[in-house]
PDB file of N, CA and C in Angstrom:
ATOM      1  N   MET A   1     120.502  60.914  84.374  1.00  0.00           N
ATOM      2  CA  MET A   1     120.666  61.823  85.664  1.00  0.00           C
ATOM      3  C   MET A   1     122.007  62.615  85.609  1.00  0.00           C
ATOM      4  N   LYS A   2     121.802  63.522  85.963  1.00  0.00           N
ATOM      5  CA  LYS A   2     123.006  64.539  85.953  1.00  0.00           C
ATOM      6  C   LYS A   2     124.152  64.103  87.059  1.00  0.00           C
ATOM      7  N   PRO A   3     125.125  63.985  86.800  1.00  0.00           N
ATOM      8  CA  PRO A   3     126.364  63.562  87.788  1.00  0.00           C
ATOM      9  C   PRO A   3     126.433  64.553  88.769  1.00  0.00           C
ATOM     10  N   ALA A   4     126.845  64.179  90.096  1.00  0.00           N
ATOM     11  CA  ALA A   4     126.870  65.043  91.299  1.00  0.00           C
ATOM     12  C   ALA A   4     127.824  66.057  90.935  1.00  0.00           C
ATOM     13  N   SER A   5     127.503  67.204  91.328  1.00  0.00           N
ATOM     14  CA  SER A   5     128.302  68.423  90.841  1.00  0.00           C
ATOM     15  C   SER A   5     129.494  68.822  92.219  1.00  0.00           C
ATOM     16  N   LYS A   6     130.454  69.518  91.993  1.00  0.00           N
ATOM     17  CA  LYS A   6     131.222  69.931  92.998  1.00  0.00           C
ATOM     18  C   LYS A   6     130.578  71.001  93.996  1.00  0.00           C
ATOM     19  N   TRP A   7     131.030  70.892  95.220  1.00  0.00           N
ATOM     20  CA  TRP A   7     130.481  71.647  96.150  1.00  0.00           C
ATOM     21  C   TRP A   7     130.299  72.996  95.744  1.00  0.00           C
ATOM     22  N   SER A   8     131.249  73.448  95.124  1.00  0.00           N
ATOM     23  CA  SER A   8     131.653  75.035  94.919  1.00  0.00           C
ATOM     24  C   SER A   8     130.725  75.423  93.556  1.00  0.00           C
ATOM     25  N   ASP A   9     130.248  74.328  92.600  1.00  0.00           N
ATOM     26  CA  ASP A   9     129.126  74.402  91.806  1.00  0.00           C
ATOM     27  C   ASP A   9     128.077  75.078  92.277  1.00  0.00           C
ATOM     28  N   THR A  10     127.445  74.521  93.354  1.00  0.00           N
ATOM     29  CA  THR A  10     126.237  75.205  93.756  1.00  0.00           C
ATOM     30  C   THR A  10     126.237  76.759  93.834  1.00  0.00           C
ATOM     31  N   PHE A  11     127.501  77.096  94.227  1.00  0.00           N
ATOM     32  CA  PHE A  11     127.476  78.658  94.560  1.00  0.00           C
ATOM     33  C   PHE A  11     127.291  79.270  93.241  1.00  0.00           C
ATOM     34  N   ARG A  12     127.889  78.592  92.265  1.00  0.00           N
ATOM     35  CA  ARG A  12     128.040  79.356  90.925  1.00  0.00           C
ATOM     36  C   ARG A  12     126.727  79.207  90.015  1.00  0.00           C
ATOM     37  N   TYR A  13     125.880  77.948  90.290  1.00  0.00           N
ATOM     38  CA  TYR A  13     124.570  77.727  89.901  1.00  0.00           C
ATOM     39  C   TYR A  13     123.484  78.844  90.430  1.00  0.00           C
ATOM     40  N   ALA A  14     123.895  79.037  91.836  1.00  0.00           N
ATOM     41  CA  ALA A  14     123.042  80.081  92.318  1.00  0.00           C
ATOM     42  C   ALA A  14     122.934  81.194  92.031  1.00  0.00           C
ATOM     43  N   ALA A  15     124.350  81.823  91.595  1.00  0.00           N
ATOM     44  CA  ALA A  15     124.689  83.302  91.049  1.00  0.00           C
ATOM     45  C   ALA A  15     124.091  83.290  89.790  1.00  0.00           C
ATOM     46  N   GLU A  16     124.241  82.278  88.946  1.00  0.00           N
ATOM     47  CA  GLU A  16     123.522  82.126  87.633  1.00  0.00           C
ATOM     48  C   GLU A  16     122.092  82.343  87.719  1.00  0.00           C
ATOM     49  N   GLY A  17     121.423  81.735  88.857  1.00  0.00           N
ATOM     50  CA  GLY A  17     120.086  82.169  89.063  1.00  0.00           C
ATOM     51  C   GLY A  17     119.783  83.547  89.278  1.00  0.00           C
ATOM     52  N   ILE A  18     120.529  84.062  90.100  1.00  0.00           N
ATOM     53  CA  ILE A  18     120.241  85.554  90.427  1.00  0.00           C
ATOM     54  C   ILE A  18     120.408  86.655  89.241  1.00  0.00           C
ATOM     55  N   VAL A  19     121.579  86.212  88.818  1.00  0.00           N
ATOM     56  CA  VAL A  19     121.802  87.028  87.447  1.00  0.00           C
ATOM     57  C   VAL A  19     120.516  86.854  86.237  1.00  0.00           C
ATOM     58  N   THR A  20     120.523  85.373  86.165  1.00  0.00           N
ATOM     59  CA  THR A  20     119.031  85.393  85.064  1.00  0.00           C
ATOM     60  C   THR A  20     117.982  86.267  85.264  1.00  0.00           C
ATOM     61  N   ALA A  21     117.556  86.032  86.810  1.00  0.00           N
ATOM     62  CA  ALA A  21     116.314  86.667  87.482  1.00  0.00           C
ATOM     63  C   ALA A  21     116.570  88.405  87.050  1.00  0.00           C
ATOM     64  N   LEU A  22     117.837  88.930  87.505  1.00  0.00           N
ATOM     65  CA  LEU A  22     118.108  90.444  87.138  1.00  0.00           C
ATOM     66  C   LEU A  22     117.806  90.822  85.911  1.00  0.00           C
ATOM     67  N   LYS A  23     118.204  89.918  85.046  1.00  0.00           N
ATOM     68  CA  LYS A  23     118.336  90.133  83.243  1.00  0.00           C
ATOM     69  C   LYS A  23     116.733  90.132  82.863  1.00  0.00           C
ATOM     70  N   SER A  24     116.233  89.277  83.465  1.00  0.00           N
ATOM     71  CA  SER A  24     114.770  88.770  82.982  1.00  0.00           C
ATOM     72  C   SER A  24     113.669  89.395  83.547  1.00  0.00           C
ATOM     73  N   GLU A  25     113.526  89.971  84.776  1.00  0.00           N
ATOM     74  CA  GLU A  25     112.739  90.230  85.601  1.00  0.00           C
ATOM     75  C   GLU A  25     112.715  91.611  86.035  1.00  0.00           C
ATOM     76  N   ARG A  26     111.671  92.405  85.332  1.00  0.00           N
ATOM     77  CA  ARG A  26     111.501  93.909  85.739  1.00  0.00           C
ATOM     78  C   ARG A  26     111.632  94.137  87.186  1.00  0.00           C
ATOM     79  N   ASN A  27     110.677  93.287  87.987  1.00  0.00           N
ATOM     80  CA  ASN A  27     110.460  93.713  89.292  1.00  0.00           C
ATOM     81  C   ASN A  27     111.618  93.313  90.225  1.00  0.00           C
ATOM     82  N   MET A  28     112.689  92.278  89.835  1.00  0.00           N
ATOM     83  CA  MET A  28     113.938  92.135  90.486  1.00  0.00           C
ATOM     84  C   MET A  28     114.613  93.386  90.362  1.00  0.00           C
ATOM     85  N   LYS A  29     114.863  94.028  89.364  1.00  0.00           N
ATOM     86  CA  LYS A  29     115.356  95.114  89.158  1.00  0.00           C
ATOM     87  C   LYS A  29     115.029  96.224  89.953  1.00  0.00           C
ATOM     88  N   ILE A  30     113.799  96.337  90.048  1.00  0.00           N
ATOM     89  CA  ILE A  30     113.062  97.488  91.052  1.00  0.00           C
ATOM     90  C   ILE A  30     113.366  97.213  92.425  1.00  0.00           C
ATOM     91  N   HIS A  31     113.322  95.922  92.687  1.00  0.00           N
ATOM     92  CA  HIS A  31     113.882  95.362  94.329  1.00  0.00           C
ATOM     93  C   HIS A  31     115.044  96.001  94.663  1.00  0.00           C
ATOM     94  N   LEU A  32     116.314  95.559  93.811  1.00  0.00           N
ATOM     95  CA  LEU A  32     117.357  95.630  93.946  1.00  0.00           C
ATOM     96  C   LEU A  32     117.839  97.274  93.836  1.00  0.00           C
ATOM     97  N   LEU A  33     117.057  97.940  92.926  1.00  0.00           N
ATOM     98  CA  LEU A  33     117.368  99.551  93.147  1.00  0.00           C
ATOM     99  C   LEU A  33     116.737 100.104  94.236  1.00  0.00           C
ATOM    100  N   ALA A  34     115.670  99.625  94.735  1.00  0.00           N
ATOM    101  CA  ALA A  34     115.295 100.179  96.252  1.00  0.00           C
ATOM    102  C   ALA A  34     116.207  99.577  97.025  1.00  0.00           C
ATOM    103  N   ALA A  35     116.400  98.361  97.018  1.00  0.00           N
ATOM    104  CA  ALA A  35     117.424  98.096  98.148  1.00  0.00           C
ATOM    105  C   ALA A  35     118.591  98.651  98.313  1.00  0.00           C
ATOM    106  N   VAL A  36     119.090  99.286  97.300  1.00  0.00           N
ATOM    107  CA  VAL A  36     120.457 100.295  97.035  1.00  0.00           C
ATOM    108  C   VAL A  36     120.344 101.470  97.871  1.00  0.00           C
ATOM    109  N   ALA A  37     118.972 101.947  97.529  1.00  0.00           N
ATOM    110  CA  ALA A  37     118.333 103.500  97.663  1.00  0.00           C
ATOM    111  C   ALA A  37     118.406 103.443  99.216  1.00  0.00           C
ATOM    112  N   VAL A  38     117.547 102.339  99.813  1.00  0.00           N
ATOM    113  CA  VAL A  38     117.386 102.352 101.106  1.00  0.00           C
ATOM    114  C   VAL A  38     118.667 102.040 101.989  1.00  0.00           C
ATOM    115  N   LEU A  39     119.686 101.244 101.380  1.00  0.00           N
ATOM    116  CA  LEU A  39     120.906 101.177 102.306  1.00  0.00           C
ATOM    117  C   LEU A  39     121.879 102.728 102.014  1.00  0.00           C
ATOM    118  N   LEU A  40     121.510 103.379 100.890  1.00  0.00           N
ATOM    119  CA  LEU A  40     122.122 104.505 100.969  1.00  0.00           C
ATOM    120  C   LEU A  40     121.687 105.464 101.766  1.00  0.00           C
ATOM    121  N   ALA A  41     120.542 105.599 101.878  1.00  0.00           N
ATOM    122  CA  ALA A  41     119.641 106.310 103.420  1.00  0.00           C
ATOM    123  C   ALA A  41     119.934 105.917 104.507  1.00  0.00           C
ATOM    124  N   ALA A  42     120.232 104.613 104.824  1.00  0.00           N
ATOM    125  CA  ALA A  42     120.426 104.250 105.921  1.00  0.00           C
ATOM    126  C   ALA A  42     122.016 104.900 106.501  1.00  0.00           C
ATOM    127  N   ALA A  43     122.770 104.677 105.521  1.00  0.00           N
ATOM    128  CA  ALA A  43     124.151 105.094 105.680  1.00  0.00           C
ATOM    129  C   ALA A  43     124.023 106.783 106.029  1.00  0.00           C
ATOM    130  N   TYR A  44     123.267 107.488 105.068  1.00  0.00           N
ATOM    131  CA  TYR A  44     123.049 108.879 105.307  1.00  0.00           C
ATOM    132  C   TYR A  44     122.451 109.276 106.669  1.00  0.00           C
ATOM    133  N   PHE A  45     121.818 108.646 107.145  1.00  0.00           N
ATOM    134  CA  PHE A  45     120.952 108.997 108.235  1.00  0.00           C
ATOM    135  C   PHE A  45     121.836 108.349 109.475  1.00  0.00           C
ATOM    136  N   ARG A  46     122.786 107.684 108.889  1.00  0.00           N
ATOM    137  CA  ARG A  46     123.759 106.887 110.294  1.00  0.00           C
ATOM    138  C   ARG A  46     122.667 106.164 111.043  1.00  0.00           C
ATOM    139  N   LEU A  47     121.797 105.118 110.679  1.00  0.00           N
ATOM    140  CA  LEU A  47     121.224 104.421 111.572  1.00  0.00           C
ATOM    141  C   LEU A  47     121.948 103.220 112.137  1.00  0.00           C
ATOM    142  N   PRO A  48     121.582 102.929 113.279  1.00  0.00           N
ATOM    143  CA  PRO A  48     122.345 102.040 114.322  1.00  0.00           C
ATOM    144  C   PRO A  48     122.414 100.579 113.438  1.00  0.00           C
ATOM    145  N   GLY A  49     123.492 100.015 114.112  1.00  0.00           N
ATOM    146  CA  GLY A  49     123.707  98.652 113.180  1.00  0.00           C
ATOM    147  C   GLY A  49     122.365  97.518 113.413  1.00  0.00           C
ATOM    148  N   ARG A  50     121.860  97.766 114.434  1.00  0.00           N
ATOM    149  CA  ARG A  50     120.695  97.029 114.627  1.00  0.00           C
ATOM    150  C   ARG A  50     119.407  97.204 113.381  1.00  0.00           C
ATOM    151  N   ASP A  51     119.139  98.461 113.344  1.00  0.00           N
ATOM    152  CA  ASP A  51     118.379  98.874 112.084  1.00  0.00           C
ATOM    153  C   ASP A  51     118.759  98.397 110.935  1.00  0.00           C
ATOM    154  N   VAL A  52     120.013  98.739 110.696  1.00  0.00           N
ATOM    155  CA  VAL A  52     120.582  98.264 109.350  1.00  0.00           C
ATOM    156  C   VAL A  52     120.544  96.532 109.083  1.00  0.00           C
ATOM    157  N   ALA A  53     120.621  96.071 110.130  1.00  0.00           N
ATOM    158  CA  ALA A  53     120.489  94.550 110.160  1.00  0.00           C
ATOM    159  C   ALA A  53     119.016  94.267 110.046  1.00  0.00           C
ATOM    160  N   LEU A  54     118.033  94.981 110.439  1.00  0.00           N
ATOM    161  CA  LEU A  54     116.716  94.827 110.190  1.00  0.00           C
ATOM    162  C   LEU A  54     116.327  94.956 108.633  1.00  0.00           C
ATOM    163  N   LEU A  55     116.679  96.048 108.163  1.00  0.00           N
ATOM    164  CA  LEU A  55     116.754  96.489 106.681  1.00  0.00           C
ATOM    165  C   LEU A  55     117.220  95.438 105.907  1.00  0.00           C
ATOM    166  N   LEU A  56     118.380  94.689 106.569  1.00  0.00           N
ATOM    167  CA  LEU A  56     119.025  93.700 105.504  1.00  0.00           C
ATOM    168  C   LEU A  56     118.185  92.363 105.550  1.00  0.00           C
ATOM    169  N   ILE A  57     117.702  92.087 106.391  1.00  0.00           N
ATOM    170  CA  ILE A  57     116.802  90.891 106.470  1.00  0.00           C
ATOM    171  C   ILE A  57     115.513  91.156 105.761  1.00  0.00           C
ATOM    172  N   VAL A  58     114.934  92.421 105.713  1.00  0.00           N
ATOM    173  CA  VAL A  58     113.597  92.585 105.080  1.00  0.00           C
ATOM    174  C   VAL A  58     113.846  92.628 103.632  1.00  0.00           C
ATOM    175  N   ILE A  59     115.180  93.145 103.192  1.00  0.00           N
ATOM    176  CA  ILE A  59     115.652  93.148 101.706  1.00  0.00           C
ATOM    177  C   ILE A  59     115.706  91.892 101.227  1.00  0.00           C
ATOM    178  N   GLY A  60     116.670  91.002 102.184  1.00  0.00           N
ATOM    179  CA  GLY A  60     116.828  89.640 101.708  1.00  0.00           C
ATOM    180  C   GLY A  60     115.514  88.998 101.596  1.00  0.00           C
ATOM    181  N   LEU A  61     114.277  89.100 102.288  1.00  0.00           N
ATOM    182  CA  LEU A  61     113.195  88.597 102.036  1.00  0.00           C
ATOM    183  C   LEU A  61     112.438  88.936 100.805  1.00  0.00           C
ATOM    184  N   VAL A  62     112.480  89.926 100.716  1.00  0.00           N
ATOM    185  CA  VAL A  62     111.627  90.470  99.384  1.00  0.00           C
ATOM    186  C   VAL A  62     112.486  89.910  98.152  1.00  0.00           C
ATOM    187  N   ILE A  63     113.778  89.987  98.124  1.00  0.00           N
ATOM    188  CA  ILE A  63     114.632  89.537  97.065  1.00  0.00           C
ATOM    189  C   ILE A  63     114.479  87.759  97.027  1.00  0.00           C
ATOM    190  N   ALA A  64     114.369  87.200  98.036  1.00  0.00           N
ATOM    191  CA  ALA A  64     114.267  85.875  98.200  1.00  0.00           C
ATOM    192  C   ALA A  64     112.655  85.524  97.249  1.00  0.00           C
ATOM    193  N   ALA A  65     112.113  86.004  97.909  1.00  0.00           N
ATOM    194  CA  ALA A  65     110.692  86.037  97.450  1.00  0.00           C
ATOM    195  C   ALA A  65     110.550  86.069  95.847  1.00  0.00           C
ATOM    196  N   GLU A  66     111.177  87.116  95.589  1.00  0.00           N
ATOM    197  CA  GLU A  66     111.047  87.440  94.166  1.00  0.00           C
ATOM    198  C   GLU A  66     111.905  86.130  93.390  1.00  0.00           C
ATOM    199  N   LEU A  67     112.724  85.785  93.852  1.00  0.00           N
ATOM    200  CA  LEU A  67     113.557  84.537  93.323  1.00  0.00           C
ATOM    201  C   LEU A  67     112.857  83.459  93.153  1.00  0.00           C
ATOM    202  N   VAL A  68     111.910  83.014  93.952  1.00  0.00           N
ATOM    203  CA  VAL A  68     111.112  81.959  94.339  1.00  0.00           C
ATOM    204  C   VAL A  68     109.884  82.302  93.267  1.00  0.00           C
ATOM    205  N   ASN A  69     109.521  83.214  93.436  1.00  0.00           N
ATOM    206  CA  ASN A  69     108.393  83.616  92.416  1.00  0.00           C
ATOM    207  C   ASN A  69     108.706  83.381  91.027  1.00  0.00           C
ATOM    208  N   THR A  70     109.984  83.949  90.689  1.00  0.00           N
ATOM    209  CA  THR A  70     110.514  83.746  89.009  1.00  0.00           C
ATOM    210  C   THR A  70     110.844  82.305  88.974  1.00  0.00           C
ATOM    211  N   ALA A  71     111.244  81.631  90.009  1.00  0.00           N
ATOM    212  CA  ALA A  71     111.575  80.013  89.523  1.00  0.00           C
ATOM    213  C   ALA A  71     110.039  79.341  89.539  1.00  0.00           C
ATOM    214  N   LEU A  72     109.038  79.605  90.304  1.00  0.00           N
ATOM    215  CA  LEU A  72     107.596  78.946  90.169  1.00  0.00           C
ATOM    216  C   LEU A  72     107.177  79.477  88.937  1.00  0.00           C
ATOM    217  N   GLU A  73     107.219  80.675  88.372  1.00  0.00           N
ATOM    218  CA  GLU A  73     106.586  81.041  87.295  1.00  0.00           C
ATOM    219  C   GLU A  73     107.270  80.247  85.907  1.00  0.00           C
ATOM    220  N   ALA A  74     108.746  80.032  85.911  1.00  0.00           N
ATOM    221  CA  ALA A  74     109.195  79.231  84.938  1.00  0.00           C
ATOM    222  C   ALA A  74     108.857  77.564  84.873  1.00  0.00           C
ATOM    223  N   VAL A  75     108.707  77.301  86.112  1.00  0.00           N
ATOM    224  CA  VAL A  75     108.401  75.539  86.167  1.00  0.00           C
ATOM    225  C   VAL A  75     106.672  75.689  85.664  1.00  0.00           C
ATOM    226  N   VAL A  76     105.941  76.422  86.360  1.00  0.00           N
ATOM    227  CA  VAL A  76     104.317  76.562  85.512  1.00  0.00           C
ATOM    228  C   VAL A  76     104.662  76.480  84.283  1.00  0.00           C
ATOM    229  N   ASP A  77     105.404  77.631  83.494  1.00  0.00           N
ATOM    230  CA  ASP A  77     105.211  77.980  82.247  1.00  0.00           C
ATOM    231  C   ASP A  77     105.812  76.516  81.471  1.00  0.00           C
ATOM    232  N   LEU A  78     106.806  75.942  82.121  1.00  0.00           N
ATOM    233  CA  LEU A  78     107.433  74.595  81.520  1.00  0.00           C
ATOM    234  C   LEU A  78     106.106  73.627  81.525  1.00  0.00           C
ATOM    235  N   VAL A  79     105.358  73.370  82.476  1.00  0.00           N
ATOM    236  CA  VAL A  79     104.556  72.043  82.602  1.00  0.00           C
ATOM    237  C   VAL A  79     103.108  72.428  82.086  1.00  0.00           C
ATOM    238  N   SER A  80     103.082  73.998  82.001  1.00  0.00           N
ATOM    239  CA  SER A  80     101.693  74.159  81.669  1.00  0.00           C
ATOM    240  C   SER A  80     101.676  75.558  80.786  1.00  0.00           C
ATOM    241  N   PRO A  81     102.223  75.185  79.482  1.00  0.00           N
ATOM    242  CA  PRO A  81     102.622  76.363  78.457  1.00  0.00           C
ATOM    243  C   PRO A  81     101.226  76.901  77.772  1.00  0.00           C
ATOM    244  N   ASP A  82     100.041  76.383  77.903  1.00  0.00           N
ATOM    245  CA  ASP A  82      98.648  77.019  77.787  1.00  0.00           C
ATOM    246  C   ASP A  82      97.905  77.285  79.162  1.00  0.00           C
ATOM    247  N   TRP A  83      97.111  78.210  78.997  1.00  0.00           N
ATOM    248  CA  TRP A  83      96.464  78.961  79.875  1.00  0.00           C
ATOM    249  C   TRP A  83      95.714  77.648  81.019  1.00  0.00           C
ATOM    250  N   HIS A  84      95.872  77.816  82.148  1.00  0.00           N
ATOM    251  CA  HIS A  84      95.067  76.844  82.978  1.00  0.00           C
ATOM    252  C   HIS A  84      94.724  77.455  84.387  1.00  0.00           C
ATOM    253  N   PRO A  85      93.585  77.458  84.967  1.00  0.00           N
ATOM    254  CA  PRO A  85      93.182  78.280  86.108  1.00  0.00           C
ATOM    255  C   PRO A  85      94.454  77.828  87.117  1.00  0.00           C
ATOM    256  N   LEU A  86      94.596  76.635  87.365  1.00  0.00           N
ATOM    257  CA  LEU A  86      95.371  76.230  88.532  1.00  0.00           C
ATOM    258  C   LEU A  86      96.983  76.898  88.388  1.00  0.00           C
ATOM    259  N   ALA A  87      97.430  77.087  86.725  1.00  0.00           N
ATOM    260  CA  ALA A  87      98.577  77.689  86.879  1.00  0.00           C
ATOM    261  C   ALA A  87      98.555  79.229  86.951  1.00  0.00           C
ATOM    262  N   LYS A  88      97.640  79.784  86.702  1.00  0.00           N
ATOM    263  CA  LYS A  88      97.062  81.128  87.051  1.00  0.00           C
ATOM    264  C   LYS A  88      97.304  81.186  88.775  1.00  0.00           C
ATOM    265  N   THR A  89      96.429  80.191  89.442  1.00  0.00           N
ATOM    266  CA  THR A  89      96.389  80.423  91.082  1.00  0.00           C
ATOM    267  C   THR A  89      97.822  80.225  91.361  1.00  0.00           C
ATOM    268  N   ALA A  90      98.671  79.374  90.815  1.00  0.00           N
ATOM    269  CA  ALA A  90     100.062  79.353  91.514  1.00  0.00           C
ATOM    270  C   ALA A  90     100.973  80.562  91.241  1.00  0.00           C
ATOM    271  N   LYS A  91     100.842  81.308  89.833  1.00  0.00           N
ATOM    272  CA  LYS A  91     101.544  82.320  89.662  1.00  0.00           C
ATOM    273  C   LYS A  91     100.964  83.435  90.501  1.00  0.00           C
ATOM    274  N   ASP A  92      99.792  83.708  90.551  1.00  0.00           N
ATOM    275  CA  ASP A  92      98.964  84.833  91.499  1.00  0.00           C
ATOM    276  C   ASP A  92      99.627  84.563  92.951  1.00  0.00           C
ATOM    277  N   THR A  93      99.353  83.445  92.968  1.00  0.00           N
ATOM    278  CA  THR A  93      99.712  83.266  94.723  1.00  0.00           C
ATOM    279  C   THR A  93     101.252  83.671  95.188  1.00  0.00           C
ATOM    280  N   ALA A  94     102.092  83.023  94.166  1.00  0.00           N
ATOM    281  CA  ALA A  94     103.796  83.387  94.447  1.00  0.00           C
ATOM    282  C   ALA A  94     103.720  84.896  94.180  1.00  0.00           C
ATOM    283  N   ALA A  95     103.087  85.552  93.236  1.00  0.00           N
ATOM    284  CA  ALA A  95     103.278  86.888  93.233  1.00  0.00           C
ATOM    285  C   ALA A  95     102.722  87.714  94.373  1.00  0.00           C
ATOM    286  N   GLY A  96     101.908  87.078  94.996  1.00  0.00           N
ATOM    287  CA  GLY A  96     101.005  87.705  96.247  1.00  0.00           C
ATOM    288  C   GLY A  96     102.153  87.607  97.459  1.00  0.00           C
ATOM    289  N   ALA A  97     102.929  86.438  97.348  1.00  0.00           N
ATOM    290  CA  ALA A  97     103.851  86.259  98.490  1.00  0.00           C
ATOM    291  C   ALA A  97     105.085  87.380  98.452  1.00  0.00           C
ATOM    292  N   VAL A  98     105.256  87.763  97.135  1.00  0.00           N
ATOM    293  CA  VAL A  98     106.297  88.639  97.032  1.00  0.00           C
ATOM    294  C   VAL A  98     105.398  90.123  97.520  1.00  0.00           C
ATOM    295  N   LEU A  99     104.419  90.393  96.962  1.00  0.00           N
ATOM    296  CA  LEU A  99     103.712  91.578  97.622  1.00  0.00           C
ATOM    297  C   LEU A  99     103.656  91.823  99.214  1.00  0.00           C
ATOM    298  N   VAL A 100     103.218  90.885  99.746  1.00  0.00           N
ATOM    299  CA  VAL A 100     103.332  90.764 101.234  1.00  0.00           C
ATOM    300  C   VAL A 100     104.639  90.836 101.721  1.00  0.00           C
ATOM    301  N   ALA A 101     105.763  90.460 101.250  1.00  0.00           N
ATOM    302  CA  ALA A 101     107.123  90.747 101.628  1.00  0.00           C
ATOM    303  C   ALA A 101     107.387  92.129 101.385  1.00  0.00           C
ATOM    304  N   ALA A 102     106.864  92.590 100.207  1.00  0.00           N
ATOM    305  CA  ALA A 102     107.546  93.789  99.854  1.00  0.00           C
ATOM    306  C   ALA A 102     106.719  95.014 100.887  1.00  0.00           C
ATOM    307  N   ILE A 103     105.587  94.714 101.032  1.00  0.00           N
ATOM    308  CA  ILE A 103     104.877  95.632 102.183  1.00  0.00           C
ATOM    309  C   ILE A 103     105.273  95.682 103.717  1.00  0.00           C
ATOM    310  N   ILE A 104     105.560  94.231 103.728  1.00  0.00           N
ATOM    311  CA  ILE A 104     106.374  94.176 105.288  1.00  0.00           C
ATOM    312  C   ILE A 104     107.637  95.006 105.393  1.00  0.00           C
ATOM    313  N   ALA A 105     108.399  95.132 104.095  1.00  0.00           N
ATOM    314  CA  ALA A 105     109.695  95.999 104.243  1.00  0.00           C
ATOM    315  C   ALA A 105     109.464  97.217 104.152  1.00  0.00           C
ATOM    316  N   VAL A 106     108.586  97.724 103.497  1.00  0.00           N
ATOM    317  CA  VAL A 106     108.028  99.048 103.337  1.00  0.00           C
ATOM    318  C   VAL A 106     107.617  99.412 104.792  1.00  0.00           C
ATOM    319  N   CYS A 107     106.883  98.945 105.651  1.00  0.00           N
ATOM    320  CA  CYS A 107     106.706  98.987 106.937  1.00  0.00           C
ATOM    321  C   CYS A 107     107.714  99.150 107.730  1.00  0.00           C
ATOM    322  N   VAL A 108     108.696  98.246 107.659  1.00  0.00           N
ATOM    323  CA  VAL A 108     109.773  98.165 108.642  1.00  0.00           C
ATOM    324  C   VAL A 108     110.762  99.550 108.337  1.00  0.00           C
ATOM    325  N   GLY A 109     110.915  99.688 106.934  1.00  0.00           N
ATOM    326  CA  GLY A 109     111.579 100.812 106.768  1.00  0.00           C
ATOM    327  C   GLY A 109     110.908 102.263 107.063  1.00  0.00           C
ATOM    328  N   CYS A 110     109.802 102.269 107.043  1.00  0.00           N
ATOM    329  CA  CYS A 110     108.910 103.368 107.552  1.00  0.00           C
ATOM    330  C   CYS A 110     109.280 103.681 109.216  1.00  0.00           C
ATOM    331  N   LEU A 111     108.988 102.864 109.722  1.00  0.00           N
ATOM    332  CA  LEU A 111     109.395 102.707 111.359  1.00  0.00           C
ATOM    333  C   LEU A 111     110.844 102.937 111.502  1.00  0.00           C
ATOM    334  N   LEU A 112     111.618 102.458 110.876  1.00  0.00           N
ATOM    335  CA  LEU A 112     113.060 102.696 111.243  1.00  0.00           C
ATOM    336  C   LEU A 112     113.547 104.127 110.754  1.00  0.00           C
ATOM    337  N   PHE A 113     113.125 104.701 109.499  1.00  0.00           N
ATOM    338  CA  PHE A 113     113.532 105.939 109.074  1.00  0.00           C
ATOM    339  C   PHE A 113     112.592 107.285 109.592  1.00  0.00           C
ATOM    340  N   TYR A 114     111.627 106.628 110.396  1.00  0.00           N
ATOM    341  CA  TYR A 114     110.662 107.765 110.824  1.00  0.00           C
ATOM    342  C   TYR A 114     111.630 108.714 111.810  1.00  0.00           C
ATOM    343  N   GLU A 115     112.110 108.549 112.750  1.00  0.00           N
ATOM    344  CA  GLU A 115     112.542 109.513 113.402  1.00  0.00           C
ATOM    345  C   GLU A 115     113.944 110.204 112.978  1.00  0.00           C
ATOM    346  N   PRO A 116     114.608 109.379 112.385  1.00  0.00           N
ATOM    347  CA  PRO A 116     115.812 110.254 111.724  1.00  0.00           C
ATOM    348  C   PRO A 116     115.376 111.395 110.496  1.00  0.00           C
ATOM    349  N   VAL A 117     113.975 110.812 109.761  1.00  0.00           N
ATOM    350  CA  VAL A 117     113.861 111.869 108.860  1.00  0.00           C
ATOM    351  C   VAL A 117     113.114 112.976 109.478  1.00  0.00           C
ATOM    352  N   MET A 118     112.304 112.869 110.495  1.00  0.00           N
ATOM    353  CA  MET A 118     111.633 114.144 111.119  1.00  0.00           C
ATOM    354  C   MET A 118     112.900 114.846 111.949  1.00  0.00           C
ATOM    355  N   ALA A 119     113.903 114.216 112.431  1.00  0.00           N
ATOM    356  CA  ALA A 119     114.749 115.086 112.903  1.00  0.00           C
ATOM    357  C   ALA A 119     115.647 115.957 112.011  1.00  0.00           C
ATOM    358  N   TYR A 120     115.769 115.293 110.900  1.00  0.00           N
ATOM    359  CA  TYR A 120     116.459 116.182 109.634  1.00  0.00           C
ATOM    360  C   TYR A 120     115.585 117.422 109.428  1.00  0.00           C
ATOM    361  N   PHE A 121     114.204 116.923 109.052  1.00  0.00           N
ATOM    362  CA  PHE A 121     113.332 118.098 108.712  1.00  0.00           C
ATOM    363  C   PHE A 121     113.180 119.270 109.836  1.00  0.00           C
ATOM    364  N   GLN A 122     113.541 118.861 111.304  1.00  0.00           N
ATOM    365  CA  GLN A 122     113.093 119.854 112.336  1.00  0.00           C
ATOM    366  C   GLN A 122     114.533 120.542 112.749  1.00  0.00           C
ATOM    367  N   GLN A 123     115.407 120.526 111.684  1.00  0.00           N
ATOM    368  CA  GLN A 123     116.745 121.097 111.882  1.00  0.00           C
ATOM    369  C   GLN A 123     116.530 122.596 111.416  1.00  0.00           C
TER     370      GLN A 123
END
């Protein structure tokens, strides 16, 4: 068994996990790029702090779901290297969770940006 690590190591391990996901998962890169674009748009349209907080929550939800999906896929591949219907179910369900989170995030974004964007185009 691995010896207990220092408290500060937990942050390093978490950061390594995020970096690994960014390097290996195309969808994680897409989510991060979308998050940056949305936050830049929020700054451009000067959304109120409450709206930015909501955006940060849904962005965090999507990225966290993608990280969990990546971890689950790695574990499934480790324990079931050959195709198995239960492995497929686990992977598909985890990917579905990411899709649900992303759809909710898009809906929240549309609601928050609707008025500022409409006002911009009516000028």
